[in-house]
């Protein structure tokens, strides 16, 4: 199954939002470092 760039970016955004919700503002920098 092939996944398009849009689907990948959507998954990343949802995952980042979920992690931010769990870790609160203290985890924002960590999330950004992991994504990029």
PDB file of N, CA and C in Angstrom:
ATOM      1  N   UNK A   1       0.841  -1.200   0.000  1.00  0.00           N
ATOM      2  CA  UNK A   1       0.000   0.000   0.000  1.00  0.00           C
ATOM      3  C   UNK A   1       0.871   1.244   0.000  1.00  0.00           C
ATOM      4  N   UNK A   2       0.623   2.134  -0.938  1.00  0.00           N
ATOM      5  CA  UNK A   2       1.422   3.357  -1.033  1.00  0.00           C
ATOM      6  C   UNK A   2       0.729   4.482  -0.277  1.00  0.00           C
ATOM      7  N   UNK A   3       1.542   5.242   0.454  1.00  0.00           N
ATOM      8  CA  UNK A   3       0.998   6.364   1.224  1.00  0.00           C
ATOM      9  C   UNK A   3       1.514   7.664   0.625  1.00  0.00           C
ATOM     10  N   UNK A   4       0.607   8.566   0.315  1.00  0.00           N
ATOM     11  CA  UNK A   4       0.996   9.844  -0.274  1.00  0.00           C
ATOM     12  C   UNK A   4       1.555  10.799   0.764  1.00  0.00           C
ATOM     13  N   UNK A   5       2.279  11.826   0.299  1.00  0.00           N
ATOM     14  CA  UNK A   5       2.874  12.823   1.193  1.00  0.00           C
ATOM     15  C   UNK A   5       1.839  13.490   2.090  1.00  0.00           C
ATOM     16  N   UNK A   6       0.643  13.716   1.535  1.00  0.00           N
ATOM     17  CA  UNK A   6      -0.404  14.371   2.320  1.00  0.00           C
ATOM     18  C   UNK A   6      -0.812  13.495   3.498  1.00  0.00           C
ATOM     19  N   UNK A   7      -0.932  12.203   3.248  1.00  0.00           N
ATOM     20  CA  UNK A   7      -1.300  11.277   4.317  1.00  0.00           C
ATOM     21  C   UNK A   7      -0.210  11.232   5.384  1.00  0.00           C
ATOM     22  N   UNK A   8       1.044  11.218   4.942  1.00  0.00           N
ATOM     23  CA  UNK A   8       2.169  11.181   5.879  1.00  0.00           C
ATOM     24  C   UNK A   8       2.177  12.427   6.752  1.00  0.00           C
ATOM     25  N   UNK A   9       2.012  13.597   6.131  1.00  0.00           N
ATOM     26  CA  UNK A   9       2.020  14.848   6.892  1.00  0.00           C
ATOM     27  C   UNK A   9       0.854  14.890   7.864  1.00  0.00           C
ATOM     28  N   UNK A  10      -0.299  14.360   7.451  1.00  0.00           N
ATOM     29  CA  UNK A  10      -1.466  14.332   8.338  1.00  0.00           C
ATOM     30  C   UNK A  10      -1.194  13.461   9.555  1.00  0.00           C
ATOM     31  N   UNK A  11      -0.576  12.306   9.320  1.00  0.00           N
ATOM     32  CA  UNK A  11      -0.242  11.399  10.425  1.00  0.00           C
ATOM     33  C   UNK A  11       0.734  12.072  11.383  1.00  0.00           C
ATOM     34  N   UNK A  12       1.744  12.752  10.827  1.00  0.00           N
ATOM     35  CA  UNK A  12       2.744  13.434  11.654  1.00  0.00           C
ATOM     36  C   UNK A  12       2.085  14.522  12.493  1.00  0.00           C
ATOM     37  N   UNK A  13       1.205  15.306  11.860  1.00  0.00           N
ATOM     38  CA  UNK A  13       0.528  16.391  12.580  1.00  0.00           C
ATOM     39  C   UNK A  13      -0.339  15.831  13.702  1.00  0.00           C
ATOM     40  N   UNK A  14      -1.063  14.766  13.426  1.00  0.00           N
ATOM     41  CA  UNK A  14      -1.923  14.164  14.453  1.00  0.00           C
ATOM     42  C   UNK A  14      -1.087  13.595  15.584  1.00  0.00           C
ATOM     43  N   UNK A  15       0.020  12.942  15.232  1.00  0.00           N
ATOM     44  CA  UNK A  15       0.894  12.371  16.261  1.00  0.00           C
ATOM     45  C   UNK A  15       1.497  13.471  17.127  1.00  0.00           C
ATOM     46  N   UNK A  16       1.944  14.553  16.477  1.00  0.00           N
ATOM     47  CA  UNK A  16       2.536  15.671  17.217  1.00  0.00           C
ATOM     48  C   UNK A  16       1.505  16.309  18.140  1.00  0.00           C
ATOM     49  N   UNK A  17       0.283  16.469  17.642  1.00  0.00           N
ATOM     50  CA  UNK A  17      -0.782  17.061  18.460  1.00  0.00           C
ATOM     51  C   UNK A  17      -1.098  16.165  19.654  1.00  0.00           C
ATOM     52  N   UNK A  18      -1.106  14.859  19.428  1.00  0.00           N
ATOM     53  CA  UNK A  18      -1.380  13.917  20.516  1.00  0.00           C
ATOM     54  C   UNK A  18      -0.292  13.985  21.576  1.00  0.00           C
ATOM     55  N   UNK A  19       0.972  14.009  21.136  1.00  0.00           N
ATOM     56  CA  UNK A  19       2.098  14.069  22.072  1.00  0.00           C
ATOM     57  C   UNK A  19       2.072  15.377  22.848  1.00  0.00           C
ATOM     58  N   UNK A  20       1.773  16.475  22.160  1.00  0.00           N
ATOM     59  CA  UNK A  20       1.694  17.773  22.836  1.00  0.00           C
ATOM     60  C   UNK A  20       0.607  17.748  23.902  1.00  0.00           C
ATOM     61  N   UNK A  21      -0.517  17.109  23.590  1.00  0.00           N
ATOM     62  CA  UNK A  21      -1.616  17.042  24.546  1.00  0.00           C
ATOM     63  C   UNK A  21      -1.198  16.234  25.773  1.00  0.00           C
ATOM     64  N   UNK A  22      -0.358  15.233  25.563  1.00  0.00           N
ATOM     65  CA  UNK A  22       0.084  14.385  26.669  1.00  0.00           C
ATOM     66  C   UNK A  22       1.172  15.064  27.504  1.00  0.00           C
ATOM     67  N   UNK A  23       2.123  15.701  26.817  1.00  0.00           N
ATOM     68  CA  UNK A  23       3.288  16.250  27.516  1.00  0.00           C
ATOM     69  C   UNK A  23       3.112  17.693  27.950  1.00  0.00           C
ATOM     70  N   UNK A  24       2.067  18.351  27.426  1.00  0.00           N
ATOM     71  CA  UNK A  24       1.856  19.774  27.738  1.00  0.00           C
ATOM     72  C   UNK A  24       2.969  20.617  27.120  1.00  0.00           C
ATOM     73  N   UNK A  25       2.960  21.959  27.334  1.00  0.00           N
ATOM     74  CA  UNK A  25       3.897  22.870  26.663  1.00  0.00           C
ATOM     75  C   UNK A  25       5.371  22.496  26.833  1.00  0.00           C
ATOM     76  N   UNK A  26       5.725  21.834  27.927  1.00  0.00           N
ATOM     77  CA  UNK A  26       7.126  21.490  28.172  1.00  0.00           C
ATOM     78  C   UNK A  26       7.681  20.567  27.085  1.00  0.00           C
ATOM     79  N   UNK A  27       6.787  19.844  26.391  1.00  0.00           N
ATOM     80  CA  UNK A  27       7.242  18.886  25.390  1.00  0.00           C
ATOM     81  C   UNK A  27       7.297  19.432  23.972  1.00  0.00           C
ATOM     82  N   UNK A  28       6.908  20.705  23.775  1.00  0.00           N
ATOM     83  CA  UNK A  28       6.851  21.263  22.421  1.00  0.00           C
ATOM     84  C   UNK A  28       8.197  21.209  21.714  1.00  0.00           C
ATOM     85  N   UNK A  29       9.258  21.643  22.402  1.00  0.00           N
ATOM     86  CA  UNK A  29      10.585  21.665  21.788  1.00  0.00           C
ATOM     87  C   UNK A  29      11.019  20.249  21.447  1.00  0.00           C
ATOM     88  N   UNK A  30      10.754  19.312  22.353  1.00  0.00           N
ATOM     89  CA  UNK A  30      11.118  17.919  22.118  1.00  0.00           C
ATOM     90  C   UNK A  30      10.404  17.372  20.889  1.00  0.00           C
ATOM     91  N   UNK A  31       9.118  17.692  20.761  1.00  0.00           N
ATOM     92  CA  UNK A  31       8.343  17.225  19.611  1.00  0.00           C
ATOM     93  C   UNK A  31       8.912  17.793  18.317  1.00  0.00           C
ATOM     94  N   UNK A  32       9.224  19.095  18.322  1.00  0.00           N
ATOM     95  CA  UNK A  32       9.759  19.725  17.117  1.00  0.00           C
ATOM     96  C   UNK A  32      11.097  19.105  16.726  1.00  0.00           C
ATOM     97  N   UNK A  33      11.933  18.787  17.723  1.00  0.00           N
ATOM     98  CA  UNK A  33      13.234  18.187  17.429  1.00  0.00           C
ATOM     99  C   UNK A  33      13.068  16.793  16.836  1.00  0.00           C
ATOM    100  N   UNK A  34      12.054  16.065  17.287  1.00  0.00           N
ATOM    101  CA  UNK A  34      11.836  14.718  16.776  1.00  0.00           C
ATOM    102  C   UNK A  34      11.279  14.741  15.356  1.00  0.00           C
ATOM    103  N   UNK A  35      10.415  15.720  15.061  1.00  0.00           N
ATOM    104  CA  UNK A  35       9.793  15.783  13.741  1.00  0.00           C
ATOM    105  C   UNK A  35      10.791  16.227  12.681  1.00  0.00           C
ATOM    106  N   UNK A  36      11.633  17.215  13.019  1.00  0.00           N
ATOM    107  CA  UNK A  36      12.553  17.756  12.023  1.00  0.00           C
ATOM    108  C   UNK A  36      13.975  17.257  12.207  1.00  0.00           C
TER     109      UNK A  36
END
